[in-house]
Amino acid sequence: MIESFLECAPQYLSELRAFSQEHDWANVKMTAHKLKPSATYLGLPHLLELILSVEEEVDNKQTPESISQLVLQMHELCEKAYPRLQEMAEKGKFD
């Protein structure tokens, strides 16, 4: 699961940023949702909270700036988590 997250998350985050810049809210929500199972399984509650916030803000038609800020926070959080997750993957945890 860690390997899958490390492989897929950067692509999803890149897509999130692009969709956010394009104000393509349906795809922002759909792409954020794709990260939800991994965030739950890997015990990343802050990421899960951001995902839920993105989904809620899209549903409530919040400002593009607020949604874009959440997407940026997701990206920053994942960037910080990648090294630790890579270390865990190498040690065979969360297979």
Protein backbone atom coordinates (compact mmCIF):
# COMPACT_ATOMS: atom_id res chain seq x y z
CA MET A 1 0.00 0.00 0.00
CA ILE A 2 2.84 2.42 0.79
CA GLU A 3 4.47 1.71 -2.54
CA SER A 4 1.21 2.36 -4.33
CA PHE A 5 0.72 5.65 -2.48
CA LEU A 6 4.29 6.75 -3.17
CA GLU A 7 3.81 5.92 -6.83
CA CYS A 8 0.32 7.41 -7.34
CA ALA A 9 0.13 10.35 -4.94
CA PRO A 10 2.55 12.63 -6.83
CA GLN A 11 0.51 12.19 -10.00
CA TYR A 12 -2.78 12.80 -8.19
CA LEU A 13 -1.36 15.90 -6.50
CA SER A 14 -0.12 17.22 -9.82
CA GLU A 15 -3.57 16.64 -11.32
CA LEU A 16 -5.19 18.34 -8.31
CA ARG A 17 -3.08 21.44 -8.80
CA ALA A 18 -3.84 21.56 -12.52
CA PHE A 19 -7.58 21.01 -12.04
CA SER A 20 -7.61 23.62 -9.29
CA GLN A 21 -5.90 26.18 -11.53
CA GLU A 22 -8.42 25.38 -14.27
CA HIS A 23 -11.32 25.66 -11.78
CA ASP A 24 -12.35 22.13 -12.77
CA TRP A 25 -14.02 21.40 -9.45
CA ALA A 26 -15.58 18.07 -10.38
CA ASN A 27 -12.14 16.66 -11.18
CA VAL A 28 -10.62 18.29 -8.10
CA LYS A 29 -13.14 16.45 -5.94
CA MET A 30 -12.76 13.16 -7.83
CA THR A 31 -8.97 13.25 -7.69
CA ALA A 32 -8.88 14.18 -4.01
CA HIS A 33 -11.25 11.31 -3.33
CA LYS A 34 -8.78 8.87 -4.91
CA LEU A 35 -6.32 9.66 -2.10
CA LYS A 36 -8.83 8.94 0.67
CA PRO A 37 -8.31 5.15 1.03
CA SER A 38 -4.53 5.49 1.24
CA ALA A 39 -4.73 8.34 3.74
CA THR A 40 -7.00 6.22 5.90
CA TYR A 41 -5.00 3.00 5.63
CA LEU A 42 -1.62 4.66 6.17
CA GLY A 43 -2.83 6.60 9.18
CA LEU A 44 -2.45 10.08 7.72
CA PRO A 45 -5.25 11.92 9.55
CA HIS A 46 -4.15 15.41 8.51
CA LEU A 47 -4.20 14.40 4.85
CA LEU A 48 -7.61 12.79 5.30
CA GLU A 49 -8.88 15.97 6.93
CA LEU A 50 -7.64 18.04 3.98
CA ILE A 51 -9.23 15.66 1.50
CA LEU A 52 -12.57 15.88 3.29
CA SER A 53 -12.26 19.67 3.39
CA VAL A 54 -11.60 19.82 -0.35
CA GLU A 55 -14.63 17.66 -1.06
CA GLU A 56 -16.79 19.78 1.25
CA GLU A 57 -15.57 23.08 -0.16
CA VAL A 58 -16.20 21.92 -3.72
CA ASP A 59 -19.70 20.78 -2.75
CA ASN A 60 -20.37 24.11 -1.06
CA LYS A 61 -18.94 26.07 -3.99
CA GLN A 62 -16.36 27.89 -1.91
CA THR A 63 -13.92 30.35 -3.43
CA PRO A 64 -11.28 29.06 -5.82
CA GLU A 65 -8.62 30.53 -3.55
CA SER A 66 -9.74 28.52 -0.52
CA ILE A 67 -9.84 25.27 -2.48
CA SER A 68 -6.48 25.99 -4.09
CA GLN A 69 -5.02 26.66 -0.64
CA LEU A 70 -6.24 23.26 0.59
CA VAL A 71 -4.73 21.58 -2.47
CA LEU A 72 -1.42 23.32 -1.74
CA GLN A 73 -1.56 22.14 1.87
CA MET A 74 -2.17 18.58 0.68
CA HIS A 75 0.86 18.80 -1.58
CA GLU A 76 3.07 20.18 1.19
CA LEU A 77 1.91 17.56 3.68
CA CYS A 78 2.61 14.73 1.26
CA GLU A 79 6.05 16.11 0.43
CA LYS A 80 6.86 15.98 4.15
CA ALA A 81 5.43 12.46 4.52
CA TYR A 82 7.16 10.86 1.53
CA PRO A 83 10.59 10.30 3.16
CA ARG A 84 9.08 8.62 6.24
CA LEU A 85 6.77 6.49 4.13
CA GLN A 86 9.66 5.49 1.89
CA GLU A 87 11.61 4.45 4.97
CA MET A 88 8.66 2.39 6.21
CA ALA A 89 8.30 0.74 2.80
CA GLU A 90 11.97 -0.23 2.82
CA LYS A 91 11.58 -1.77 6.28
CA GLY A 92 8.57 -3.76 5.10
CA LYS A 93 5.95 -2.07 7.26
CA PHE A 94 2.37 -1.67 5.96
CA ASP A 95 2.74 -4.35 3.34
